[in-house]
Amino acid sequence: MNKINTNGLSAFTAADNELRKAAEAFEIGNHGKARVCARRAVGYVAEFYLQSHPELIPLYGRSFMNNLRGIAADENVPDEVRNYAEKLIVHPEFDEIKGNEAIDLANKIIAYFKEK
């Protein structure tokens, strides 16, 4: 399982680092790594959010993919943000999103949580 560990960094610094890695991966055409890094960035911020909302841990889980699923299912989160999370989750029946789209979605989700 992809348990989230910020290695002592703030959640937002860890997220920024992941988004930087995502952009680097996208630049060399590695869309898979860009998606993974974008998802991980959201996971760091979601974990930070869960510190003040521990009652949501069962919904959000403790991995970056489960965090995305939690955001997509959380009725307290605006529909638009829930849709961003849903798009960032890979669905086998759909084509995977490109790395630049994953980065954009992650930035939109993170912006919402920064305001919280």
PDB file of N, CA and C in Angstrom:
ATOM      1  N   MET A   1       0.850  -1.176   0.000  1.00  0.00           N
ATOM      2  CA  MET A   1       0.000   0.000   0.000  1.00  0.00           C
ATOM      3  C   MET A   1       0.893   1.234   0.000  1.00  0.00           C
ATOM      4  N   ASN A   2       0.439   2.283  -0.595  1.00  0.00           N
ATOM      5  CA  ASN A   2       1.208   3.513  -0.740  1.00  0.00           C
ATOM      6  C   ASN A   2       0.965   4.449   0.437  1.00  0.00           C
ATOM      7  N   LYS A   3       1.407   4.037   1.617  1.00  0.00           N
ATOM      8  CA  LYS A   3       1.227   4.862   2.805  1.00  0.00           C
ATOM      9  C   LYS A   3       1.966   6.177   2.621  1.00  0.00           C
ATOM     10  N   ILE A   4       1.368   7.237   3.072  1.00  0.00           N
ATOM     11  CA  ILE A   4       1.906   8.571   2.830  1.00  0.00           C
ATOM     12  C   ILE A   4       2.864   8.963   3.940  1.00  0.00           C
ATOM     13  N   ASN A   5       4.062   9.404   3.529  1.00  0.00           N
ATOM     14  CA  ASN A   5       5.094   9.836   4.451  1.00  0.00           C
ATOM     15  C   ASN A   5       5.750  11.077   3.856  1.00  0.00           C
ATOM     16  N   THR A   6       5.690  12.186   4.557  1.00  0.00           N
ATOM     17  CA  THR A   6       6.262  13.427   4.030  1.00  0.00           C
ATOM     18  C   THR A   6       7.743  13.571   4.353  1.00  0.00           C
ATOM     19  N   ASN A   7       8.328  12.610   5.062  1.00  0.00           N
ATOM     20  CA  ASN A   7       9.741  12.664   5.430  1.00  0.00           C
ATOM     21  C   ASN A   7      10.100  13.968   6.127  1.00  0.00           C
ATOM     22  N   GLY A   8       9.230  14.433   6.995  1.00  0.00           N
ATOM     23  CA  GLY A   8       9.491  15.623   7.787  1.00  0.00           C
ATOM     24  C   GLY A   8       9.168  16.946   7.100  1.00  0.00           C
ATOM     25  N   LEU A   9       8.778  16.910   5.842  1.00  0.00           N
ATOM     26  CA  LEU A   9       8.424  18.138   5.125  1.00  0.00           C
ATOM     27  C   LEU A   9       6.980  18.510   5.425  1.00  0.00           C
ATOM     28  N   SER A  10       6.646  19.781   5.263  1.00  0.00           N
ATOM     29  CA  SER A  10       5.235  20.144   5.372  1.00  0.00           C
ATOM     30  C   SER A  10       4.499  19.483   4.208  1.00  0.00           C
ATOM     31  N   ALA A  11       3.219  19.270   4.378  1.00  0.00           N
ATOM     32  CA  ALA A  11       2.425  18.617   3.324  1.00  0.00           C
ATOM     33  C   ALA A  11       2.480  19.401   2.022  1.00  0.00           C
ATOM     34  N   PHE A  12       2.450  20.725   2.127  1.00  0.00           N
ATOM     35  CA  PHE A  12       2.436  21.536   0.916  1.00  0.00           C
ATOM     36  C   PHE A  12       3.806  21.577   0.242  1.00  0.00           C
ATOM     37  N   THR A  13       4.872  21.525   1.019  1.00  0.00           N
ATOM     38  CA  THR A  13       6.214  21.436   0.435  1.00  0.00           C
ATOM     39  C   THR A  13       6.387  20.090  -0.246  1.00  0.00           C
ATOM     40  N   ALA A  14       5.937  19.031   0.412  1.00  0.00           N
ATOM     41  CA  ALA A  14       6.013  17.693  -0.191  1.00  0.00           C
ATOM     42  C   ALA A  14       5.192  17.648  -1.483  1.00  0.00           C
ATOM     43  N   ALA A  15       4.012  18.264  -1.474  1.00  0.00           N
ATOM     44  CA  ALA A  15       3.171  18.301  -2.671  1.00  0.00           C
ATOM     45  C   ALA A  15       3.857  19.080  -3.789  1.00  0.00           C
ATOM     46  N   ASP A  16       4.450  20.222  -3.451  1.00  0.00           N
ATOM     47  CA  ASP A  16       5.182  21.007  -4.457  1.00  0.00           C
ATOM     48  C   ASP A  16       6.329  20.203  -5.063  1.00  0.00           C
ATOM     49  N   ASN A  17       7.036  19.455  -4.224  1.00  0.00           N
ATOM     50  CA  ASN A  17       8.129  18.609  -4.720  1.00  0.00           C
ATOM     51  C   ASN A  17       7.608  17.561  -5.696  1.00  0.00           C
ATOM     52  N   GLU A  18       6.472  16.960  -5.363  1.00  0.00           N
ATOM     53  CA  GLU A  18       5.893  15.947  -6.252  1.00  0.00           C
ATOM     54  C   GLU A  18       5.423  16.568  -7.562  1.00  0.00           C
ATOM     55  N   LEU A  19       4.852  17.753  -7.485  1.00  0.00           N
ATOM     56  CA  LEU A  19       4.406  18.414  -8.717  1.00  0.00           C
ATOM     57  C   LEU A  19       5.595  18.786  -9.596  1.00  0.00           C
ATOM     58  N   ARG A  20       6.706  19.138  -8.974  1.00  0.00           N
ATOM     59  CA  ARG A  20       7.925  19.420  -9.736  1.00  0.00           C
ATOM     60  C   ARG A  20       8.411  18.139 -10.437  1.00  0.00           C
ATOM     61  N   LYS A  21       8.394  17.030  -9.715  1.00  0.00           N
ATOM     62  CA  LYS A  21       8.770  15.739 -10.315  1.00  0.00           C
ATOM     63  C   LYS A  21       7.812  15.371 -11.450  1.00  0.00           C
ATOM     64  N   ALA A  22       6.533  15.659 -11.244  1.00  0.00           N
ATOM     65  CA  ALA A  22       5.525  15.374 -12.276  1.00  0.00           C
ATOM     66  C   ALA A  22       5.822  16.169 -13.542  1.00  0.00           C
ATOM     67  N   ALA A  23       6.146  17.445 -13.369  1.00  0.00           N
ATOM     68  CA  ALA A  23       6.452  18.294 -14.527  1.00  0.00           C
ATOM     69  C   ALA A  23       7.700  17.800 -15.254  1.00  0.00           C
ATOM     70  N   GLU A  24       8.709  17.386 -14.502  1.00  0.00           N
ATOM     71  CA  GLU A  24       9.929  16.860 -15.115  1.00  0.00           C
ATOM     72  C   GLU A  24       9.626  15.583 -15.905  1.00  0.00           C
ATOM     73  N   ALA A  25       8.813  14.725 -15.325  1.00  0.00           N
ATOM     74  CA  ALA A  25       8.449  13.481 -16.010  1.00  0.00           C
ATOM     75  C   ALA A  25       7.659  13.779 -17.277  1.00  0.00           C
ATOM     76  N   PHE A  26       6.740  14.718 -17.205  1.00  0.00           N
ATOM     77  CA  PHE A  26       5.957  15.084 -18.374  1.00  0.00           C
ATOM     78  C   PHE A  26       6.850  15.625 -19.485  1.00  0.00           C
ATOM     79  N   GLU A  27       7.821  16.431 -19.113  1.00  0.00           N
ATOM     80  CA  GLU A  27       8.722  17.035 -20.107  1.00  0.00           C
ATOM     81  C   GLU A  27       9.478  15.987 -20.924  1.00  0.00           C
ATOM     82  N   ILE A  28       9.764  14.851 -20.323  1.00  0.00           N
ATOM     83  CA  ILE A  28      10.488  13.796 -21.061  1.00  0.00           C
ATOM     84  C   ILE A  28       9.531  12.741 -21.617  1.00  0.00           C
ATOM     85  N   GLY A  29       8.228  13.028 -21.514  1.00  0.00           N
ATOM     86  CA  GLY A  29       7.241  12.132 -22.108  1.00  0.00           C
ATOM     87  C   GLY A  29       6.823  10.953 -21.247  1.00  0.00           C
ATOM     88  N   ASN A  30       7.160  10.989 -19.963  1.00  0.00           N
ATOM     89  CA  ASN A  30       6.795   9.900 -19.062  1.00  0.00           C
ATOM     90  C   ASN A  30       5.474  10.263 -18.368  1.00  0.00           C
ATOM     91  N   HIS A  31       4.374  10.036 -19.082  1.00  0.00           N
ATOM     92  CA  HIS A  31       3.055  10.402 -18.565  1.00  0.00           C
ATOM     93  C   HIS A  31       2.673   9.575 -17.335  1.00  0.00           C
ATOM     94  N   GLY A  32       3.085   8.322 -17.299  1.00  0.00           N
ATOM     95  CA  GLY A  32       2.766   7.472 -16.156  1.00  0.00           C
ATOM     96  C   GLY A  32       3.356   8.018 -14.869  1.00  0.00           C
ATOM     97  N   LYS A  33       4.624   8.374 -14.909  1.00  0.00           N
ATOM     98  CA  LYS A  33       5.263   8.931 -13.710  1.00  0.00           C
ATOM     99  C   LYS A  33       4.644  10.283 -13.359  1.00  0.00           C
ATOM    100  N   ALA A  34       4.318  11.080 -14.358  1.00  0.00           N
ATOM    101  CA  ALA A  34       3.682  12.378 -14.089  1.00  0.00           C
ATOM    102  C   ALA A  34       2.355  12.175 -13.362  1.00  0.00           C
ATOM    103  N   ARG A  35       1.569  11.185 -13.794  1.00  0.00           N
ATOM    104  CA  ARG A  35       0.286  10.899 -13.126  1.00  0.00           C
ATOM    105  C   ARG A  35       0.511  10.455 -11.686  1.00  0.00           C
ATOM    106  N   VAL A  36       1.460   9.563 -11.493  1.00  0.00           N
ATOM    107  CA  VAL A  36       1.734   9.059 -10.144  1.00  0.00           C
ATOM    108  C   VAL A  36       2.157  10.199  -9.224  1.00  0.00           C
ATOM    109  N   CYS A  37       3.049  11.041  -9.688  1.00  0.00           N
ATOM    110  CA  CYS A  37       3.517  12.157  -8.866  1.00  0.00           C
ATOM    111  C   CYS A  37       2.386  13.149  -8.578  1.00  0.00           C
ATOM    112  N   ALA A  38       1.538  13.409  -9.555  1.00  0.00           N
ATOM    113  CA  ALA A  38       0.401  14.312  -9.351  1.00  0.00           C
ATOM    114  C   ALA A  38      -0.545  13.734  -8.296  1.00  0.00           C
ATOM    115  N   ARG A  39      -0.807  12.449  -8.378  1.00  0.00           N
ATOM    116  CA  ARG A  39      -1.687  11.808  -7.390  1.00  0.00           C
ATOM    117  C   ARG A  39      -1.063  11.861  -6.005  1.00  0.00           C
ATOM    118  N   ARG A  40       0.228  11.607  -5.941  1.00  0.00           N
ATOM    119  CA  ARG A  40       0.924  11.628  -4.659  1.00  0.00           C
ATOM    120  C   ARG A  40       0.869  13.039  -4.052  1.00  0.00           C
ATOM    121  N   ALA A  41       1.000  14.056  -4.888  1.00  0.00           N
ATOM    122  CA  ALA A  41       0.924  15.436  -4.394  1.00  0.00           C
ATOM    123  C   ALA A  41      -0.421  15.690  -3.719  1.00  0.00           C
ATOM    124  N   VAL A  42      -1.484  15.250  -4.339  1.00  0.00           N
ATOM    125  CA  VAL A  42      -2.818  15.403  -3.742  1.00  0.00           C
ATOM    126  C   VAL A  42      -2.890  14.617  -2.437  1.00  0.00           C
ATOM    127  N   GLY A  43      -2.313  13.442  -2.413  1.00  0.00           N
ATOM    128  CA  GLY A  43      -2.328  12.621  -1.206  1.00  0.00           C
ATOM    129  C   GLY A  43      -1.681  13.314  -0.020  1.00  0.00           C
ATOM    130  N   TYR A  44      -0.557  14.000  -0.249  1.00  0.00           N
ATOM    131  CA  TYR A  44       0.092  14.725   0.846  1.00  0.00           C
ATOM    132  C   TYR A  44      -0.834  15.779   1.436  1.00  0.00           C
ATOM    133  N   VAL A  45      -1.502  16.506   0.575  1.00  0.00           N
ATOM    134  CA  VAL A  45      -2.392  17.569   1.038  1.00  0.00           C
ATOM    135  C   VAL A  45      -3.628  16.980   1.712  1.00  0.00           C
ATOM    136  N   ALA A  46      -4.143  15.888   1.176  1.00  0.00           N
ATOM    137  CA  ALA A  46      -5.299  15.231   1.803  1.00  0.00           C
ATOM    138  C   ALA A  46      -4.940  14.743   3.202  1.00  0.00           C
ATOM    139  N   GLU A  47      -3.752  14.200   3.364  1.00  0.00           N
ATOM    140  CA  GLU A  47      -3.324  13.741   4.685  1.00  0.00           C
ATOM    141  C   GLU A  47      -3.255  14.902   5.672  1.00  0.00           C
ATOM    142  N   PHE A  48      -2.792  16.049   5.210  1.00  0.00           N
ATOM    143  CA  PHE A  48      -2.757  17.240   6.044  1.00  0.00           C
ATOM    144  C   PHE A  48      -4.176  17.621   6.465  1.00  0.00           C
ATOM    145  N   TYR A  49      -5.094  17.602   5.530  1.00  0.00           N
ATOM    146  CA  TYR A  49      -6.497  17.906   5.789  1.00  0.00           C
ATOM    147  C   TYR A  49      -7.081  16.935   6.822  1.00  0.00           C
ATOM    148  N   LEU A  50      -6.712  15.671   6.717  1.00  0.00           N
ATOM    149  CA  LEU A  50      -7.242  14.659   7.626  1.00  0.00           C
ATOM    150  C   LEU A  50      -6.773  14.848   9.056  1.00  0.00           C
ATOM    151  N   GLN A  51      -5.671  15.542   9.245  1.00  0.00           N
ATOM    152  CA  GLN A  51      -5.198  15.806  10.607  1.00  0.00           C
ATOM    153  C   GLN A  51      -6.224  16.602  11.406  1.00  0.00           C
ATOM    154  N   SER A  52      -6.936  17.480  10.734  1.00  0.00           N
ATOM    155  CA  SER A  52      -7.959  18.261  11.429  1.00  0.00           C
ATOM    156  C   SER A  52      -9.372  17.702  11.218  1.00  0.00           C
ATOM    157  N   HIS A  53      -9.472  16.628  10.450  1.00  0.00           N
ATOM    158  CA  HIS A  53     -10.757  15.967  10.204  1.00  0.00           C
ATOM    159  C   HIS A  53     -10.589  14.440  10.323  1.00  0.00           C
ATOM    160  N   PRO A  54     -10.181  13.960  11.497  1.00  0.00           N
ATOM    161  CA  PRO A  54      -9.917  12.521  11.635  1.00  0.00           C
ATOM    162  C   PRO A  54     -11.143  11.644  11.411  1.00  0.00           C
ATOM    163  N   GLU A  55     -12.320  12.218  11.545  1.00  0.00           N
ATOM    164  CA  GLU A  55     -13.542  11.434  11.314  1.00  0.00           C
ATOM    165  C   GLU A  55     -13.667  10.993   9.849  1.00  0.00           C
ATOM    166  N   LEU A  56     -12.896  11.627   8.961  1.00  0.00           N
ATOM    167  CA  LEU A  56     -12.945  11.275   7.537  1.00  0.00           C
ATOM    168  C   LEU A  56     -11.933  10.207   7.139  1.00  0.00           C
ATOM    169  N   ILE A  57     -11.090   9.791   8.075  1.00  0.00           N
ATOM    170  CA  ILE A  57     -10.066   8.788   7.748  1.00  0.00           C
ATOM    171  C   ILE A  57     -10.679   7.515   7.164  1.00  0.00           C
ATOM    172  N   PRO A  58     -11.791   7.003   7.703  1.00  0.00           N
ATOM    173  CA  PRO A  58     -12.366   5.802   7.070  1.00  0.00           C
ATOM    174  C   PRO A  58     -12.759   6.010   5.604  1.00  0.00           C
ATOM    175  N   LEU A  59     -13.195   7.212   5.256  1.00  0.00           N
ATOM    176  CA  LEU A  59     -13.572   7.508   3.873  1.00  0.00           C
ATOM    177  C   LEU A  59     -12.345   7.708   2.992  1.00  0.00           C
ATOM    178  N   TYR A  60     -11.352   8.408   3.512  1.00  0.00           N
ATOM    179  CA  TYR A  60     -10.168   8.770   2.736  1.00  0.00           C
ATOM    180  C   TYR A  60      -9.076   7.706   2.742  1.00  0.00           C
ATOM    181  N   GLY A  61      -9.033   6.894   3.774  1.00  0.00           N
ATOM    182  CA  GLY A  61      -7.989   5.885   3.843  1.00  0.00           C
ATOM    183  C   GLY A  61      -6.632   6.483   4.147  1.00  0.00           C
ATOM    184  N   ARG A  62      -5.599   5.686   3.930  1.00  0.00           N
ATOM    185  CA  ARG A  62      -4.242   6.108   4.275  1.00  0.00           C
ATOM    186  C   ARG A  62      -3.245   5.890   3.144  1.00  0.00           C
ATOM    187  N   SER A  63      -3.693   5.969   1.905  1.00  0.00           N
ATOM    188  CA  SER A  63      -2.792   5.906   0.756  1.00  0.00           C
ATOM    189  C   SER A  63      -3.218   6.986  -0.217  1.00  0.00           C
ATOM    190  N   PHE A  64      -2.324   7.392  -1.100  1.00  0.00           N
ATOM    191  CA  PHE A  64      -2.696   8.500  -1.984  1.00  0.00           C
ATOM    192  C   PHE A  64      -3.836   8.143  -2.920  1.00  0.00           C
ATOM    193  N   MET A  65      -3.926   6.910  -3.374  1.00  0.00           N
ATOM    194  CA  MET A  65      -5.059   6.528  -4.227  1.00  0.00           C
ATOM    195  C   MET A  65      -6.359   6.488  -3.423  1.00  0.00           C
ATOM    196  N   ASN A  66      -6.289   5.980  -2.207  1.00  0.00           N
ATOM    197  CA  ASN A  66      -7.494   5.991  -1.373  1.00  0.00           C
ATOM    198  C   ASN A  66      -7.903   7.408  -1.027  1.00  0.00           C
ATOM    199  N   ASN A  67      -6.921   8.298  -0.836  1.00  0.00           N
ATOM    200  CA  ASN A  67      -7.241   9.709  -0.588  1.00  0.00           C
ATOM    201  C   ASN A  67      -8.013  10.286  -1.762  1.00  0.00           C
ATOM    202  N   LEU A  68      -7.584   9.989  -2.988  1.00  0.00           N
ATOM    203  CA  LEU A  68      -8.304  10.474  -4.165  1.00  0.00           C
ATOM    204  C   LEU A  68      -9.728   9.931  -4.205  1.00  0.00           C
ATOM    205  N   ARG A  69      -9.866   8.651  -3.910  1.00  0.00           N
ATOM    206  CA  ARG A  69     -11.211   8.063  -3.867  1.00  0.00           C
ATOM    207  C   ARG A  69     -12.061   8.745  -2.791  1.00  0.00           C
ATOM    208  N   GLY A  70     -11.427   9.057  -1.657  1.00  0.00           N
ATOM    209  CA  GLY A  70     -12.137   9.747  -0.584  1.00  0.00           C
ATOM    210  C   GLY A  70     -12.604  11.132  -1.001  1.00  0.00           C
ATOM    211  N   ILE A  71     -11.727  11.869  -1.666  1.00  0.00           N
ATOM    212  CA  ILE A  71     -12.108  13.201  -2.152  1.00  0.00           C
ATOM    213  C   ILE A  71     -13.272  13.075  -3.123  1.00  0.00           C
ATOM    214  N   ALA A  72     -13.191  12.113  -4.029  1.00  0.00           N
ATOM    215  CA  ALA A  72     -14.250  11.923  -5.029  1.00  0.00           C
ATOM    216  C   ALA A  72     -15.582  11.553  -4.386  1.00  0.00           C
ATOM    217  N   ALA A  73     -15.532  10.927  -3.218  1.00  0.00           N
ATOM    218  CA  ALA A  73     -16.761  10.473  -2.551  1.00  0.00           C
ATOM    219  C   ALA A  73     -17.234  11.414  -1.447  1.00  0.00           C
ATOM    220  N   ASP A  74     -16.422  12.376  -1.065  1.00  0.00           N
ATOM    221  CA  ASP A  74     -16.731  13.248   0.068  1.00  0.00           C
ATOM    222  C   ASP A  74     -17.772  14.297  -0.335  1.00  0.00           C
ATOM    223  N   GLU A  75     -18.967  14.168   0.192  1.00  0.00           N
ATOM    224  CA  GLU A  75     -20.058  15.077  -0.152  1.00  0.00           C
ATOM    225  C   GLU A  75     -19.857  16.483   0.407  1.00  0.00           C
ATOM    226  N   ASN A  76     -18.882  16.661   1.297  1.00  0.00           N
ATOM    227  CA  ASN A  76     -18.565  17.987   1.822  1.00  0.00           C
ATOM    228  C   ASN A  76     -17.665  18.777   0.879  1.00  0.00           C
ATOM    229  N   VAL A  77     -17.097  18.097  -0.098  1.00  0.00           N
ATOM    230  CA  VAL A  77     -16.213  18.719  -1.080  1.00  0.00           C
ATOM    231  C   VAL A  77     -17.066  19.148  -2.273  1.00  0.00           C
ATOM    232  N   PRO A  78     -16.827  20.323  -2.822  1.00  0.00           N
ATOM    233  CA  PRO A  78     -17.622  20.772  -3.976  1.00  0.00           C
ATOM    234  C   PRO A  78     -17.563  19.769  -5.141  1.00  0.00           C
ATOM    235  N   ASP A  79     -18.663  19.689  -5.868  1.00  0.00           N
ATOM    236  CA  ASP A  79     -18.752  18.754  -6.989  1.00  0.00           C
ATOM    237  C   ASP A  79     -17.592  18.904  -7.961  1.00  0.00           C
ATOM    238  N   GLU A  80     -17.206  20.130  -8.247  1.00  0.00           N
ATOM    239  CA  GLU A  80     -16.128  20.376  -9.201  1.00  0.00           C
ATOM    240  C   GLU A  80     -14.826  19.709  -8.742  1.00  0.00           C
ATOM    241  N   VAL A  81     -14.501  19.836  -7.466  1.00  0.00           N
ATOM    242  CA  VAL A  81     -13.286  19.235  -6.923  1.00  0.00           C
ATOM    243  C   VAL A  81     -13.417  17.719  -6.899  1.00  0.00           C
ATOM    244  N   ARG A  82     -14.593  17.229  -6.566  1.00  0.00           N
ATOM    245  CA  ARG A  82     -14.830  15.790  -6.583  1.00  0.00           C
ATOM    246  C   ARG A  82     -14.623  15.241  -8.000  1.00  0.00           C
ATOM    247  N   ASN A  83     -15.084  15.979  -8.994  1.00  0.00           N
ATOM    248  CA  ASN A  83     -14.895  15.560 -10.389  1.00  0.00           C
ATOM    249  C   ASN A  83     -13.425  15.556 -10.779  1.00  0.00           C
ATOM    250  N   TYR A  84     -12.662  16.537 -10.297  1.00  0.00           N
ATOM    251  CA  TYR A  84     -11.219  16.551 -10.576  1.00  0.00           C
ATOM    252  C   TYR A  84     -10.571  15.283 -10.025  1.00  0.00           C
ATOM    253  N   ALA A  85     -10.939  14.938  -8.796  1.00  0.00           N
ATOM    254  CA  ALA A  85     -10.369  13.736  -8.179  1.00  0.00           C
ATOM    255  C   ALA A  85     -10.755  12.490  -8.964  1.00  0.00           C
ATOM    256  N   GLU A  86     -12.009  12.433  -9.367  1.00  0.00           N
ATOM    257  CA  GLU A  86     -12.488  11.284 -10.148  1.00  0.00           C
ATOM    258  C   GLU A  86     -11.690  11.133 -11.443  1.00  0.00           C
ATOM    259  N   LYS A  87     -11.401  12.239 -12.107  1.00  0.00           N
ATOM    260  CA  LYS A  87     -10.628  12.187 -13.353  1.00  0.00           C
ATOM    261  C   LYS A  87      -9.184  11.760 -13.113  1.00  0.00           C
ATOM    262  N   LEU A  88      -8.664  12.100 -11.935  1.00  0.00           N
ATOM    263  CA  LEU A  88      -7.276  11.760 -11.626  1.00  0.00           C
ATOM    264  C   LEU A  88      -7.106  10.282 -11.273  1.00  0.00           C
ATOM    265  N   ILE A  89      -8.209   9.632 -10.944  1.00  0.00           N
ATOM    266  CA  ILE A  89      -8.193   8.195 -10.658  1.00  0.00           C
ATOM    267  C   ILE A  89      -8.264   7.447 -11.994  1.00  0.00           C
ATOM    268  N   VAL A  90      -7.420   6.472 -12.150  1.00  0.00           N
ATOM    269  CA  VAL A  90      -7.405   5.701 -13.403  1.00  0.00           C
ATOM    270  C   VAL A  90      -8.577   4.732 -13.425  1.00  0.00           C
ATOM    271  N   HIS A  91      -9.284   4.713 -14.522  1.00  0.00           N
ATOM    272  CA  HIS A  91     -10.353   3.757 -14.745  1.00  0.00           C
ATOM    273  C   HIS A  91      -9.930   2.858 -15.896  1.00  0.00           C
ATOM    274  N   PRO A  92      -9.852   1.571 -15.676  1.00  0.00           N
ATOM    275  CA  PRO A  92      -9.403   0.674 -16.746  1.00  0.00           C
ATOM    276  C   PRO A  92     -10.232   0.768 -18.023  1.00  0.00           C
ATOM    277  N   GLU A  93     -11.510   1.111 -17.907  1.00  0.00           N
ATOM    278  CA  GLU A  93     -12.358   1.150 -19.095  1.00  0.00           C
ATOM    279  C   GLU A  93     -12.184   2.446 -19.899  1.00  0.00           C
ATOM    280  N   PHE A  94     -11.450   3.415 -19.353  1.00  0.00           N
ATOM    281  CA  PHE A  94     -11.217   4.680 -20.061  1.00  0.00           C
ATOM    282  C   PHE A  94      -9.744   4.823 -20.403  1.00  0.00           C
ATOM    283  N   ASP A  95      -9.452   5.680 -21.355  1.00  0.00           N
ATOM    284  CA  ASP A  95      -8.060   6.009 -21.629  1.00  0.00           C
ATOM    285  C   ASP A  95      -7.511   6.791 -20.442  1.00  0.00           C
ATOM    286  N   GLU A  96      -6.245   6.538 -20.147  1.00  0.00           N
ATOM    287  CA  GLU A  96      -5.630   7.280 -19.060  1.00  0.00           C
ATOM    288  C   GLU A  96      -5.373   8.716 -19.491  1.00  0.00           C
ATOM    289  N   ILE A  97      -5.416   9.615 -18.521  1.00  0.00           N
ATOM    290  CA  ILE A  97      -5.168  11.016 -18.817  1.00  0.00           C
ATOM    291  C   ILE A  97      -3.681  11.239 -19.051  1.00  0.00           C
ATOM    292  N   LYS A  98      -3.364  12.283 -19.764  1.00  0.00           N
ATOM    293  CA  LYS A  98      -1.977  12.653 -20.031  1.00  0.00           C
ATOM    294  C   LYS A  98      -1.385  13.302 -18.784  1.00  0.00           C
ATOM    295  N   GLY A  99      -0.074  13.326 -18.731  1.00  0.00           N
ATOM    296  CA  GLY A  99       0.619  13.871 -17.565  1.00  0.00           C
ATOM    297  C   GLY A  99       0.294  15.316 -17.287  1.00  0.00           C
ATOM    298  N   ASN A 100       0.190  16.133 -18.337  1.00  0.00           N
ATOM    299  CA  ASN A 100      -0.112  17.553 -18.116  1.00  0.00           C
ATOM    300  C   ASN A 100      -1.514  17.747 -17.550  1.00  0.00           C
ATOM    301  N   GLU A 101      -2.455  16.914 -17.968  1.00  0.00           N
ATOM    302  CA  GLU A 101      -3.811  17.009 -17.421  1.00  0.00           C
ATOM    303  C   GLU A 101      -3.817  16.579 -15.954  1.00  0.00           C
ATOM    304  N   ALA A 102      -3.052  15.544 -15.629  1.00  0.00           N
ATOM    305  CA  ALA A 102      -2.959  15.085 -14.241  1.00  0.00           C
ATOM    306  C   ALA A 102      -2.391  16.187 -13.351  1.00  0.00           C
ATOM    307  N   ILE A 103      -1.372  16.881 -13.837  1.00  0.00           N
ATOM    308  CA  ILE A 103      -0.762  17.973 -13.071  1.00  0.00           C
ATOM    309  C   ILE A 103      -1.777  19.096 -12.867  1.00  0.00           C
ATOM    310  N   ASP A 104      -2.508  19.434 -13.903  1.00  0.00           N
ATOM    311  CA  ASP A 104      -3.518  20.487 -13.812  1.00  0.00           C
ATOM    312  C   ASP A 104      -4.609  20.115 -12.808  1.00  0.00           C
ATOM    313  N   LEU A 105      -5.091  18.885 -12.869  1.00  0.00           N
ATOM    314  CA  LEU A 105      -6.123  18.432 -11.928  1.00  0.00           C
ATOM    315  C   LEU A 105      -5.606  18.468 -10.493  1.00  0.00           C
ATOM    316  N   ALA A 106      -4.378  17.990 -10.298  1.00  0.00           N
ATOM    317  CA  ALA A 106      -3.790  17.992  -8.955  1.00  0.00           C
ATOM    318  C   ALA A 106      -3.688  19.418  -8.427  1.00  0.00           C
ATOM    319  N   ASN A 107      -3.247  20.344  -9.255  1.00  0.00           N
ATOM    320  CA  ASN A 107      -3.138  21.738  -8.824  1.00  0.00           C
ATOM    321  C   ASN A 107      -4.491  22.305  -8.416  1.00  0.00           C
ATOM    322  N   LYS A 108      -5.546  21.959  -9.137  1.00  0.00           N
ATOM    323  CA  LYS A 108      -6.889  22.448  -8.809  1.00  0.00           C
ATOM    324  C   LYS A 108      -7.377  21.869  -7.482  1.00  0.00           C
ATOM    325  N   ILE A 109      -7.122  20.599  -7.257  1.00  0.00           N
ATOM    326  CA  ILE A 109      -7.534  19.962  -6.000  1.00  0.00           C
ATOM    327  C   ILE A 109      -6.749  20.567  -4.834  1.00  0.00           C
ATOM    328  N   ILE A 110      -5.449  20.709  -5.022  1.00  0.00           N
ATOM    329  CA  ILE A 110      -4.602  21.266  -3.959  1.00  0.00           C
ATOM    330  C   ILE A 110      -5.014  22.699  -3.645  1.00  0.00           C
ATOM    331  N   ALA A 111      -5.345  23.480  -4.648  1.00  0.00           N
ATOM    332  CA  ALA A 111      -5.790  24.859  -4.428  1.00  0.00           C
ATOM    333  C   ALA A 111      -7.031  24.884  -3.528  1.00  0.00           C
ATOM    334  N   TYR A 112      -7.939  23.958  -3.749  1.00  0.00           N
ATOM    335  CA  TYR A 112      -9.142  23.893  -2.908  1.00  0.00           C
ATOM    336  C   TYR A 112      -8.748  23.625  -1.454  1.00  0.00           C
ATOM    337  N   PHE A 113      -7.869  22.642  -1.229  1.00  0.00           N
ATOM    338  CA  PHE A 113      -7.497  22.288   0.142  1.00  0.00           C
ATOM    339  C   PHE A 113      -6.638  23.367   0.793  1.00  0.00           C
ATOM    340  N   LYS A 114      -5.883  24.113   0.019  1.00  0.00           N
ATOM    341  CA  LYS A 114      -5.108  25.230   0.591  1.00  0.00           C
ATOM    342  C   LYS A 114      -6.046  26.276   1.184  1.00  0.00           C
ATOM    343  N   GLU A 115      -7.199  26.452   0.574  1.00  0.00           N
ATOM    344  CA  GLU A 115      -8.180  27.421   1.073  1.00  0.00           C
ATOM    345  C   GLU A 115      -8.852  26.932   2.355  1.00  0.00           C
ATOM    346  N   LYS A 116      -8.847  25.637   2.580  1.00  0.00           N
ATOM    347  CA  LYS A 116      -9.491  25.068   3.766  1.00  0.00           C
ATOM    348  C   LYS A 116      -8.621  25.377   4.939  1.00  0.00           C
TER     349      LYS A 116
END
